Amino acid sequence: MDSTLIVSHSEKNLDAIYGMLQEASISQMMTVHSCGDARRLLLERDFDLVIINAPLPDETGESLARHIAGSGDCQVILAVKNEYFQDTAAVCESDGVLTIAKPISKALFWAALRLAAAVQVKIRRLMLENRQLVQRIEDMRCIDRAKYVLITCCCLSEQEAHRKIEKMAMDLRTSKRKVAEEIIKAYAD
């Protein structure tokens, strides 16, 4: 994790978290003191990790944590007082927020950081796989449209249309998608 946002009203806790992050070799850190400031900053830039030290002056931090966790691949660690831990964890963990109880020990904090990093790697891998699958589906749709054009305009069978697209792609040394787009463009006019 490269960039981290720390949201904490308490300077003492902010300094402690900041120090532990420096030990974890996280160099890009920004700090804000309220949920409102955090929301404004998150509109301007993305972070790999957001650590929220609850409570904050303008809200508890729970809704901010849930919002951030649900809006992208950013990992969120929410630190709450021990007496609120069970209830907050029950609500937030279903949204992907890692909840830890205060006071925060160094070992617990390091474990939460490692867990957040592992989850982030998995999420990014799944997002890449999802983008690749979406691209494949779009390619297949385009190729199917081109086959339909060849079937209706050139009186080819589906197999003949498919072979024609494949052969053109091999002859032109390009993708079937590019050939399909050219066929669609040529017959659309």
C-alpha atoms as a PDB file:
ATOM      1  CA  MET A   1       0.000   0.000   0.000  1.00  0.00           C
ATOM      2  CA  ASP A   2       1.492   3.251  -1.134  1.00  0.00           C
ATOM      3  CA  SER A   3      -0.829   6.036  -0.033  1.00  0.00           C
ATOM      4  CA  THR A   4      -2.693   6.299   3.249  1.00  0.00           C
ATOM      5  CA  LEU A   5      -5.208   8.736   4.675  1.00  0.00           C
ATOM      6  CA  ILE A   6      -5.471   8.951   8.450  1.00  0.00           C
ATOM      7  CA  VAL A   7      -8.684  10.426   9.852  1.00  0.00           C
ATOM      8  CA  SER A   8      -8.294  11.228  13.542  1.00  0.00           C
ATOM      9  CA  HIS A   9      -9.426  14.014  15.831  1.00  0.00           C
ATOM     10  CA  SER A  10      -6.992  12.963  18.555  1.00  0.00           C
ATOM     11  CA  GLU A  11      -3.447  14.231  17.965  1.00  0.00           C
ATOM     12  CA  LYS A  12      -2.037  11.605  20.335  1.00  0.00           C
ATOM     13  CA  ASN A  13      -3.600   8.713  18.402  1.00  0.00           C
ATOM     14  CA  LEU A  14      -2.728  10.382  15.112  1.00  0.00           C
ATOM     15  CA  ASP A  15       0.951  10.511  16.061  1.00  0.00           C
ATOM     16  CA  ALA A  16       0.899   6.871  17.199  1.00  0.00           C
ATOM     17  CA  ILE A  17      -0.729   5.662  13.958  1.00  0.00           C
ATOM     18  CA  TYR A  18       1.588   7.839  11.890  1.00  0.00           C
ATOM     19  CA  GLY A  19       4.616   6.338  13.624  1.00  0.00           C
ATOM     20  CA  MET A  20       3.460   2.755  13.117  1.00  0.00           C
ATOM     21  CA  LEU A  21       2.818   3.450   9.427  1.00  0.00           C
ATOM     22  CA  GLN A  22       6.316   4.880   9.042  1.00  0.00           C
ATOM     23  CA  GLU A  23       7.701   1.670  10.568  1.00  0.00           C
ATOM     24  CA  ALA A  24       5.676  -0.240   7.955  1.00  0.00           C
ATOM     25  CA  SER A  25       7.499   1.750   5.234  1.00  0.00           C
ATOM     26  CA  ILE A  26       4.401   3.656   4.152  1.00  0.00           C
ATOM     27  CA  SER A  27       5.719   7.019   3.097  1.00  0.00           C
ATOM     28  CA  GLN A  28       2.762   8.779   1.466  1.00  0.00           C
ATOM     29  CA  MET A  29       0.474   9.760   4.320  1.00  0.00           C
ATOM     30  CA  MET A  30      -2.068  12.517   4.654  1.00  0.00           C
ATOM     31  CA  THR A  31      -4.050  13.394   7.746  1.00  0.00           C
ATOM     32  CA  VAL A  32      -7.396  15.075   8.337  1.00  0.00           C
ATOM     33  CA  HIS A  33      -9.327  15.688  11.535  1.00  0.00           C
ATOM     34  CA  SER A  34     -12.973  15.155  10.496  1.00  0.00           C
ATOM     35  CA  CYS A  35     -15.183  13.029   8.275  1.00  0.00           C
ATOM     36  CA  GLY A  36     -16.152  16.093   6.252  1.00  0.00           C
ATOM     37  CA  ASP A  37     -12.504  16.857   5.478  1.00  0.00           C
ATOM     38  CA  ALA A  38     -11.936  13.210   4.580  1.00  0.00           C
ATOM     39  CA  ARG A  39     -14.929  13.144   2.211  1.00  0.00           C
ATOM     40  CA  ARG A  40     -13.691  16.295   0.443  1.00  0.00           C
ATOM     41  CA  LEU A  41     -10.162  14.909   0.098  1.00  0.00           C
ATOM     42  CA  LEU A  42     -11.445  11.564  -1.198  1.00  0.00           C
ATOM     43  CA  LEU A  43     -13.254  13.407  -3.991  1.00  0.00           C
ATOM     44  CA  GLU A  44      -9.912  14.847  -5.113  1.00  0.00           C
ATOM     45  CA  ARG A  45      -7.695  11.768  -4.917  1.00  0.00           C
ATOM     46  CA  ASP A  46      -7.570   8.044  -4.252  1.00  0.00           C
ATOM     47  CA  PHE A  47      -5.856   6.240  -1.403  1.00  0.00           C
ATOM     48  CA  ASP A  48      -4.837   2.623  -0.965  1.00  0.00           C
ATOM     49  CA  LEU A  49      -5.685   2.666   2.739  1.00  0.00           C
ATOM     50  CA  VAL A  50      -7.839   4.844   4.982  1.00  0.00           C
ATOM     51  CA  ILE A  51      -7.478   4.553   8.743  1.00  0.00           C
ATOM     52  CA  ILE A  52     -10.305   6.097  10.749  1.00  0.00           C
ATOM     53  CA  ASN A  53      -9.807   6.678  14.458  1.00  0.00           C
ATOM     54  CA  ALA A  54     -13.358   6.989  15.829  1.00  0.00           C
ATOM     55  CA  PRO A  55     -15.114   8.979  17.138  1.00  0.00           C
ATOM     56  CA  LEU A  56     -14.680  12.138  15.125  1.00  0.00           C
ATOM     57  CA  PRO A  57     -16.098  15.592  15.849  1.00  0.00           C
ATOM     58  CA  ASP A  58     -18.691  15.537  13.069  1.00  0.00           C
ATOM     59  CA  GLU A  59     -19.757  11.857  13.120  1.00  0.00           C
ATOM     60  CA  THR A  60     -18.761   8.476  14.516  1.00  0.00           C
ATOM     61  CA  GLY A  61     -16.763   7.467  11.443  1.00  0.00           C
ATOM     62  CA  GLU A  62     -18.789   4.313  10.824  1.00  0.00           C
ATOM     63  CA  SER A  63     -20.749   5.647   7.831  1.00  0.00           C
ATOM     64  CA  LEU A  64     -17.586   7.154   6.317  1.00  0.00           C
ATOM     65  CA  ALA A  65     -15.799   3.807   6.652  1.00  0.00           C
ATOM     66  CA  ARG A  66     -18.685   1.937   5.024  1.00  0.00           C
ATOM     67  CA  HIS A  67     -18.933   4.482   2.220  1.00  0.00           C
ATOM     68  CA  ILE A  68     -15.219   4.297   1.389  1.00  0.00           C
ATOM     69  CA  ALA A  69     -15.119   0.500   1.543  1.00  0.00           C
ATOM     70  CA  GLY A  70     -18.090   0.227  -0.778  1.00  0.00           C
ATOM     71  CA  SER A  71     -16.853   2.656  -3.402  1.00  0.00           C
ATOM     72  CA  GLY A  72     -13.650   1.083  -4.696  1.00  0.00           C
ATOM     73  CA  ASP A  73     -10.588  -0.967  -3.935  1.00  0.00           C
ATOM     74  CA  CYS A  74      -9.435   1.201  -1.027  1.00  0.00           C
ATOM     75  CA  GLN A  75      -8.996  -0.695   2.237  1.00  0.00           C
ATOM     76  CA  VAL A  76     -10.452   0.774   5.427  1.00  0.00           C
ATOM     77  CA  ILE A  77      -9.405   0.185   9.004  1.00  0.00           C
ATOM     78  CA  LEU A  78     -11.801   1.592  11.616  1.00  0.00           C
ATOM     79  CA  ALA A  79     -10.494   1.890  15.177  1.00  0.00           C
ATOM     80  CA  VAL A  80     -13.238   2.140  17.798  1.00  0.00           C
ATOM     81  CA  LYS A  81     -13.386   2.103  21.577  1.00  0.00           C
ATOM     82  CA  ASN A  82     -13.398  -1.420  22.983  1.00  0.00           C
ATOM     83  CA  GLU A  83     -16.942  -1.097  24.381  1.00  0.00           C
ATOM     84  CA  TYR A  84     -18.317  -0.338  20.880  1.00  0.00           C
ATOM     85  CA  PHE A  85     -16.205  -2.891  19.032  1.00  0.00           C
ATOM     86  CA  GLN A  86     -18.657  -5.816  18.799  1.00  0.00           C
ATOM     87  CA  ASP A  87     -21.608  -3.751  17.579  1.00  0.00           C
ATOM     88  CA  THR A  88     -19.546  -1.688  15.135  1.00  0.00           C
ATOM     89  CA  ALA A  89     -17.739  -4.720  13.752  1.00  0.00           C
ATOM     90  CA  ALA A  90     -21.040  -6.531  13.198  1.00  0.00           C
ATOM     91  CA  VAL A  91     -22.331  -3.626  11.105  1.00  0.00           C
ATOM     92  CA  CYS A  92     -19.151  -2.646   9.248  1.00  0.00           C
ATOM     93  CA  GLU A  93     -17.475  -5.932   8.408  1.00  0.00           C
ATOM     94  CA  SER A  94     -20.227  -6.902   5.964  1.00  0.00           C
ATOM     95  CA  ASP A  95     -19.145  -3.852   3.928  1.00  0.00           C
ATOM     96  CA  GLY A  96     -15.475  -4.875   3.992  1.00  0.00           C
ATOM     97  CA  VAL A  97     -14.300  -2.582   6.790  1.00  0.00           C
ATOM     98  CA  LEU A  98     -11.604  -3.999   9.069  1.00  0.00           C
ATOM     99  CA  THR A  99     -12.611  -3.005  12.587  1.00  0.00           C
ATOM    100  CA  ILE A 100     -10.138  -3.002  15.462  1.00  0.00           C
ATOM    101  CA  ALA A 101     -10.610  -2.187  19.136  1.00  0.00           C
ATOM    102  CA  LYS A 102      -8.762   0.564  20.971  1.00  0.00           C
ATOM    103  CA  PRO A 103      -6.348   0.776  22.626  1.00  0.00           C
ATOM    104  CA  ILE A 104      -4.438  -0.447  19.582  1.00  0.00           C
ATOM    105  CA  SER A 105      -1.425  -2.622  20.205  1.00  0.00           C
ATOM    106  CA  LYS A 106       1.402  -2.585  17.698  1.00  0.00           C
ATOM    107  CA  ALA A 107       0.932  -6.308  16.986  1.00  0.00           C
ATOM    108  CA  LEU A 108      -2.786  -5.873  16.301  1.00  0.00           C
ATOM    109  CA  PHE A 109      -2.143  -2.877  14.062  1.00  0.00           C
ATOM    110  CA  TRP A 110       0.507  -4.744  12.056  1.00  0.00           C
ATOM    111  CA  ALA A 111      -1.844  -7.720  11.657  1.00  0.00           C
ATOM    112  CA  ALA A 112      -4.613  -5.412  10.415  1.00  0.00           C
ATOM    113  CA  LEU A 113      -2.212  -3.778   7.936  1.00  0.00           C
ATOM    114  CA  ARG A 114      -1.105  -7.162   6.594  1.00  0.00           C
ATOM    115  CA  LEU A 115      -4.689  -8.325   6.281  1.00  0.00           C
ATOM    116  CA  ALA A 116      -5.673  -5.101   4.482  1.00  0.00           C
ATOM    117  CA  ALA A 117      -2.743  -5.501   2.078  1.00  0.00           C
ATOM    118  CA  ALA A 118      -3.659  -9.123   1.323  1.00  0.00           C
ATOM    119  CA  VAL A 119      -7.293  -8.240   0.708  1.00  0.00           C
ATOM    120  CA  GLN A 120      -6.291  -5.360  -1.550  1.00  0.00           C
ATOM    121  CA  VAL A 121      -4.111  -7.638  -3.698  1.00  0.00           C
ATOM    122  CA  LYS A 122      -7.000 -10.083  -4.059  1.00  0.00           C
ATOM    123  CA  ILE A 123      -9.498  -7.331  -4.924  1.00  0.00           C
ATOM    124  CA  ARG A 124      -7.192  -5.824  -7.544  1.00  0.00           C
ATOM    125  CA  ARG A 125      -6.650  -9.242  -9.095  1.00  0.00           C
ATOM    126  CA  LEU A 126     -10.410  -9.818  -9.262  1.00  0.00           C
ATOM    127  CA  MET A 127     -10.991  -6.365 -10.740  1.00  0.00           C
ATOM    128  CA  LEU A 128      -8.409  -7.051 -13.462  1.00  0.00           C
ATOM    129  CA  GLU A 129     -10.004 -10.403 -14.204  1.00  0.00           C
ATOM    130  CA  ASN A 130     -13.413  -8.725 -14.359  1.00  0.00           C
ATOM    131  CA  ARG A 131     -12.152  -6.100 -16.830  1.00  0.00           C
ATOM    132  CA  GLN A 132     -10.670  -8.843 -19.006  1.00  0.00           C
ATOM    133  CA  LEU A 133     -13.949 -10.779 -18.981  1.00  0.00           C
ATOM    134  CA  VAL A 134     -15.936  -7.662 -19.870  1.00  0.00           C
ATOM    135  CA  GLN A 135     -13.534  -7.018 -22.753  1.00  0.00           C
ATOM    136  CA  ARG A 136     -13.961 -10.587 -24.003  1.00  0.00           C
ATOM    137  CA  ILE A 137     -17.750 -10.248 -23.884  1.00  0.00           C
ATOM    138  CA  GLU A 138     -17.592  -6.961 -25.816  1.00  0.00           C
ATOM    139  CA  ASP A 139     -15.291  -8.606 -28.399  1.00  0.00           C
ATOM    140  CA  MET A 140     -17.710 -11.520 -28.789  1.00  0.00           C
ATOM    141  CA  ARG A 141     -20.676  -9.163 -29.229  1.00  0.00           C
ATOM    142  CA  CYS A 142     -18.862  -7.184 -31.894  1.00  0.00           C
ATOM    143  CA  ILE A 143     -17.819 -10.350 -33.736  1.00  0.00           C
ATOM    144  CA  ASP A 144     -21.375 -11.699 -33.540  1.00  0.00           C
ATOM    145  CA  ARG A 145     -22.710  -8.420 -35.007  1.00  0.00           C
ATOM    146  CA  ALA A 146     -20.204  -8.674 -37.845  1.00  0.00           C
ATOM    147  CA  LYS A 147     -21.224 -12.284 -38.484  1.00  0.00           C
ATOM    148  CA  TYR A 148     -24.861 -11.188 -38.590  1.00  0.00           C
ATOM    149  CA  VAL A 149     -23.961  -8.485 -41.127  1.00  0.00           C
ATOM    150  CA  LEU A 150     -22.139 -11.043 -43.293  1.00  0.00           C
ATOM    151  CA  ILE A 151     -25.023 -13.500 -42.993  1.00  0.00           C
ATOM    152  CA  THR A 152     -27.653 -10.944 -44.013  1.00  0.00           C
ATOM    153  CA  CYS A 153     -25.689  -8.951 -46.595  1.00  0.00           C
ATOM    154  CA  CYS A 154     -23.510 -11.642 -48.185  1.00  0.00           C
ATOM    155  CA  CYS A 155     -25.825 -14.652 -47.762  1.00  0.00           C
ATOM    156  CA  LEU A 156     -23.191 -16.604 -45.818  1.00  0.00           C
ATOM    157  CA  SER A 157     -23.881 -19.271 -43.229  1.00  0.00           C
ATOM    158  CA  GLU A 158     -22.781 -18.597 -39.661  1.00  0.00           C
ATOM    159  CA  GLN A 159     -19.807 -20.942 -40.065  1.00  0.00           C
ATOM    160  CA  GLU A 160     -18.771 -19.250 -43.315  1.00  0.00           C
ATOM    161  CA  ALA A 161     -19.069 -15.807 -41.735  1.00  0.00           C
ATOM    162  CA  HIS A 162     -16.994 -16.958 -38.770  1.00  0.00           C
ATOM    163  CA  ARG A 163     -14.315 -18.455 -41.036  1.00  0.00           C
ATOM    164  CA  LYS A 164     -14.236 -15.277 -43.136  1.00  0.00           C
ATOM    165  CA  ILE A 165     -13.618 -13.111 -40.054  1.00  0.00           C
ATOM    166  CA  GLU A 166     -10.914 -15.476 -38.788  1.00  0.00           C
ATOM    167  CA  LYS A 167      -9.184 -15.615 -42.191  1.00  0.00           C
ATOM    168  CA  MET A 168      -9.276 -11.828 -42.595  1.00  0.00           C
ATOM    169  CA  ALA A 169      -7.795 -11.420 -39.114  1.00  0.00           C
ATOM    170  CA  MET A 170      -4.981 -13.856 -39.908  1.00  0.00           C
ATOM    171  CA  ASP A 171      -4.308 -12.302 -43.334  1.00  0.00           C
ATOM    172  CA  LEU A 172      -4.259  -8.767 -41.937  1.00  0.00           C
ATOM    173  CA  ARG A 173      -2.427  -9.846 -38.762  1.00  0.00           C
ATOM    174  CA  THR A 174      -4.914  -8.128 -36.538  1.00  0.00           C
ATOM    175  CA  SER A 175      -7.573  -9.146 -34.039  1.00  0.00           C
ATOM    176  CA  LYS A 176     -10.952 -10.573 -34.949  1.00  0.00           C
ATOM    177  CA  ARG A 177     -12.484  -7.616 -33.097  1.00  0.00           C
ATOM    178  CA  LYS A 178     -10.790  -5.095 -35.420  1.00  0.00           C
ATOM    179  CA  VAL A 179     -11.897  -7.056 -38.497  1.00  0.00           C
ATOM    180  CA  ALA A 180     -15.441  -7.218 -37.095  1.00  0.00           C
ATOM    181  CA  GLU A 181     -15.486  -3.463 -36.501  1.00  0.00           C
ATOM    182  CA  GLU A 182     -14.345  -2.845 -40.079  1.00  0.00           C
ATOM    183  CA  ILE A 183     -17.021  -5.181 -41.459  1.00  0.00           C
ATOM    184  CA  ILE A 184     -19.719  -3.436 -39.417  1.00  0.00           C
ATOM    185  CA  LYS A 185     -18.461  -0.025 -40.536  1.00  0.00           C
ATOM    186  CA  ALA A 186     -18.257  -1.073 -44.193  1.00  0.00           C
ATOM    187  CA  TYR A 187     -21.782  -2.454 -44.368  1.00  0.00           C
ATOM    188  CA  ALA A 188     -23.367   0.202 -42.142  1.00  0.00           C
ATOM    189  CA  ASP A 189     -22.822   2.869 -44.791  1.00  0.00           C
END
